Amino acid sequence: MPVSEAPYKRTYQHTKQRGREVRVHCDYCHKLVPKYKTIVVYRSFGLNDPTLKKQIDPKYMHTFKKKLRVCLECSRFRGYVKPGISVRKKHRE
């Protein structure tokens, strides 16, 4: 029986070409982390200025999103991922 399962889904899949994994910087702590160990978070910002909203075409409003790659430590600290409960403890209750 497995001890625990990850409470999140990783978007990056390993490819045929293994060897040295691609490393990316965490967007919060700037630590070098393998890409498959990061979690993708989308951050967006809204426009509060009504004159700017009128000037920008509505079909381009959805493009104001930024893709962040966050390491597991930062994602747990910031609450994107909750630590999992082990499978053994789930079956006891």
C-alpha atoms as a PDB file:
ATOM      1  CA  MET A   1       0.000   0.000   0.000  1.00  0.00           C
ATOM      2  CA  PRO A   2       1.468   3.421  -0.899  1.00  0.00           C
ATOM      3  CA  VAL A   3       2.353   5.737   1.957  1.00  0.00           C
ATOM      4  CA  SER A   4       0.848   8.856   0.439  1.00  0.00           C
ATOM      5  CA  GLU A   5      -0.224  10.350  -2.849  1.00  0.00           C
ATOM      6  CA  ALA A   6       0.688  13.801  -4.081  1.00  0.00           C
ATOM      7  CA  PRO A   7      -2.175  16.298  -3.558  1.00  0.00           C
ATOM      8  CA  TYR A   8      -1.375  18.041  -6.848  1.00  0.00           C
ATOM      9  CA  LYS A   9      -0.930  17.305 -10.525  1.00  0.00           C
ATOM     10  CA  ARG A  10       2.284  18.096 -12.321  1.00  0.00           C
ATOM     11  CA  THR A  11       1.830  19.455 -15.822  1.00  0.00           C
ATOM     12  CA  TYR A  12       5.278  18.640 -17.172  1.00  0.00           C
ATOM     13  CA  GLN A  13       5.780  15.102 -18.461  1.00  0.00           C
ATOM     14  CA  HIS A  14       9.151  13.432 -18.948  1.00  0.00           C
ATOM     15  CA  THR A  15      10.077  13.093 -22.601  1.00  0.00           C
ATOM     16  CA  LYS A  16      11.919  10.346 -24.431  1.00  0.00           C
ATOM     17  CA  GLN A  17      15.183  12.217 -24.132  1.00  0.00           C
ATOM     18  CA  ARG A  18      16.181  11.798 -20.494  1.00  0.00           C
ATOM     19  CA  GLY A  19      19.646  12.491 -19.209  1.00  0.00           C
ATOM     20  CA  ARG A  20      19.939  15.939 -17.790  1.00  0.00           C
ATOM     21  CA  GLU A  21      16.559  17.422 -16.886  1.00  0.00           C
ATOM     22  CA  VAL A  22      15.668  20.987 -17.801  1.00  0.00           C
ATOM     23  CA  ARG A  23      16.096  23.275 -14.799  1.00  0.00           C
ATOM     24  CA  VAL A  24      14.065  26.415 -14.248  1.00  0.00           C
ATOM     25  CA  HIS A  25      14.105  29.132 -11.613  1.00  0.00           C
ATOM     26  CA  CYS A  26      11.306  29.282  -9.067  1.00  0.00           C
ATOM     27  CA  ASP A  27       9.503  32.589  -9.547  1.00  0.00           C
ATOM     28  CA  TYR A  28       9.375  33.272  -5.800  1.00  0.00           C
ATOM     29  CA  CYS A  29      12.662  32.080  -4.273  1.00  0.00           C
ATOM     30  CA  HIS A  30      14.692  31.943  -7.557  1.00  0.00           C
ATOM     31  CA  LYS A  31      16.065  28.511  -6.691  1.00  0.00           C
ATOM     32  CA  LEU A  32      17.081  26.225  -9.577  1.00  0.00           C
ATOM     33  CA  VAL A  33      14.618  23.330  -9.650  1.00  0.00           C
ATOM     34  CA  PRO A  34      14.047  20.547 -12.192  1.00  0.00           C
ATOM     35  CA  LYS A  35      11.097  21.474 -14.374  1.00  0.00           C
ATOM     36  CA  TYR A  36       9.103  18.349 -13.534  1.00  0.00           C
ATOM     37  CA  LYS A  37       9.204  19.281  -9.824  1.00  0.00           C
ATOM     38  CA  THR A  38       7.527  22.648 -10.332  1.00  0.00           C
ATOM     39  CA  ILE A  39       3.867  23.562 -10.140  1.00  0.00           C
ATOM     40  CA  VAL A  40       2.363  25.943 -12.673  1.00  0.00           C
ATOM     41  CA  VAL A  41       0.361  28.824 -11.234  1.00  0.00           C
ATOM     42  CA  TYR A  42      -1.331  31.480 -13.333  1.00  0.00           C
ATOM     43  CA  ARG A  43      -1.372  34.982 -11.898  1.00  0.00           C
ATOM     44  CA  SER A  44      -3.517  37.674 -13.436  1.00  0.00           C
ATOM     45  CA  PHE A  45      -4.041  41.301 -12.702  1.00  0.00           C
ATOM     46  CA  GLY A  46      -7.118  43.415 -13.177  1.00  0.00           C
ATOM     47  CA  LEU A  47      -7.497  46.903 -14.498  1.00  0.00           C
ATOM     48  CA  ASN A  48      -9.193  49.309 -12.101  1.00  0.00           C
ATOM     49  CA  ASP A  49      -8.943  52.376 -14.300  1.00  0.00           C
ATOM     50  CA  PRO A  50     -12.210  52.758 -16.292  1.00  0.00           C
ATOM     51  CA  THR A  51     -10.561  54.852 -19.024  1.00  0.00           C
ATOM     52  CA  LEU A  52      -8.003  52.124 -19.689  1.00  0.00           C
ATOM     53  CA  LYS A  53     -10.756  49.509 -19.854  1.00  0.00           C
ATOM     54  CA  LYS A  54     -12.530  51.523 -22.529  1.00  0.00           C
ATOM     55  CA  GLN A  55      -9.341  51.936 -24.580  1.00  0.00           C
ATOM     56  CA  ILE A  56      -8.404  48.237 -24.562  1.00  0.00           C
ATOM     57  CA  ASP A  57     -10.328  45.897 -26.832  1.00  0.00           C
ATOM     58  CA  PRO A  58     -12.309  43.315 -24.764  1.00  0.00           C
ATOM     59  CA  LYS A  59     -10.991  40.380 -26.793  1.00  0.00           C
ATOM     60  CA  TYR A  60      -7.460  41.138 -25.515  1.00  0.00           C
ATOM     61  CA  MET A  61      -8.460  41.349 -21.839  1.00  0.00           C
ATOM     62  CA  HIS A  62      -7.875  37.621 -21.243  1.00  0.00           C
ATOM     63  CA  THR A  63      -4.182  37.915 -22.193  1.00  0.00           C
ATOM     64  CA  PHE A  64      -3.247  39.593 -18.904  1.00  0.00           C
ATOM     65  CA  LYS A  65      -2.138  36.346 -17.281  1.00  0.00           C
ATOM     66  CA  LYS A  66       1.379  35.376 -16.290  1.00  0.00           C
ATOM     67  CA  LYS A  67       2.532  31.773 -16.001  1.00  0.00           C
ATOM     68  CA  LEU A  68       4.583  31.161 -12.858  1.00  0.00           C
ATOM     69  CA  ARG A  69       6.657  28.073 -12.114  1.00  0.00           C
ATOM     70  CA  VAL A  70       6.776  27.513  -8.373  1.00  0.00           C
ATOM     71  CA  CYS A  71       8.926  25.008  -6.477  1.00  0.00           C
ATOM     72  CA  LEU A  72       7.221  22.648  -4.032  1.00  0.00           C
ATOM     73  CA  GLU A  73       8.517  24.468  -0.944  1.00  0.00           C
ATOM     74  CA  CYS A  74       7.104  27.822  -2.040  1.00  0.00           C
ATOM     75  CA  SER A  75       3.839  26.267  -3.215  1.00  0.00           C
ATOM     76  CA  ARG A  76       3.305  24.684   0.205  1.00  0.00           C
ATOM     77  CA  PHE A  77       4.260  27.891   2.016  1.00  0.00           C
ATOM     78  CA  ARG A  78       1.924  30.032  -0.105  1.00  0.00           C
ATOM     79  CA  GLY A  79      -0.974  27.587   0.106  1.00  0.00           C
ATOM     80  CA  TYR A  80      -1.164  26.479  -3.536  1.00  0.00           C
ATOM     81  CA  VAL A  81      -0.676  22.875  -2.411  1.00  0.00           C
ATOM     82  CA  LYS A  82      -1.852  21.322   0.817  1.00  0.00           C
ATOM     83  CA  PRO A  83       0.325  18.608   2.361  1.00  0.00           C
ATOM     84  CA  GLY A  84      -1.232  15.212   1.742  1.00  0.00           C
ATOM     85  CA  ILE A  85      -2.549  12.842   4.375  1.00  0.00           C
ATOM     86  CA  SER A  86      -1.017   9.382   4.198  1.00  0.00           C
ATOM     87  CA  VAL A  87      -3.251   6.653   2.825  1.00  0.00           C
ATOM     88  CA  ARG A  88      -2.880   4.633   6.037  1.00  0.00           C
ATOM     89  CA  LYS A  89      -4.299   7.477   8.128  1.00  0.00           C
ATOM     90  CA  LYS A  90      -7.201   7.933   5.704  1.00  0.00           C
ATOM     91  CA  HIS A  91      -8.267   4.303   6.138  1.00  0.00           C
ATOM     92  CA  ARG A  92      -8.119   4.468   9.953  1.00  0.00           C
ATOM     93  CA  GLU A  93     -10.796   7.161  10.217  1.00  0.00           C
END
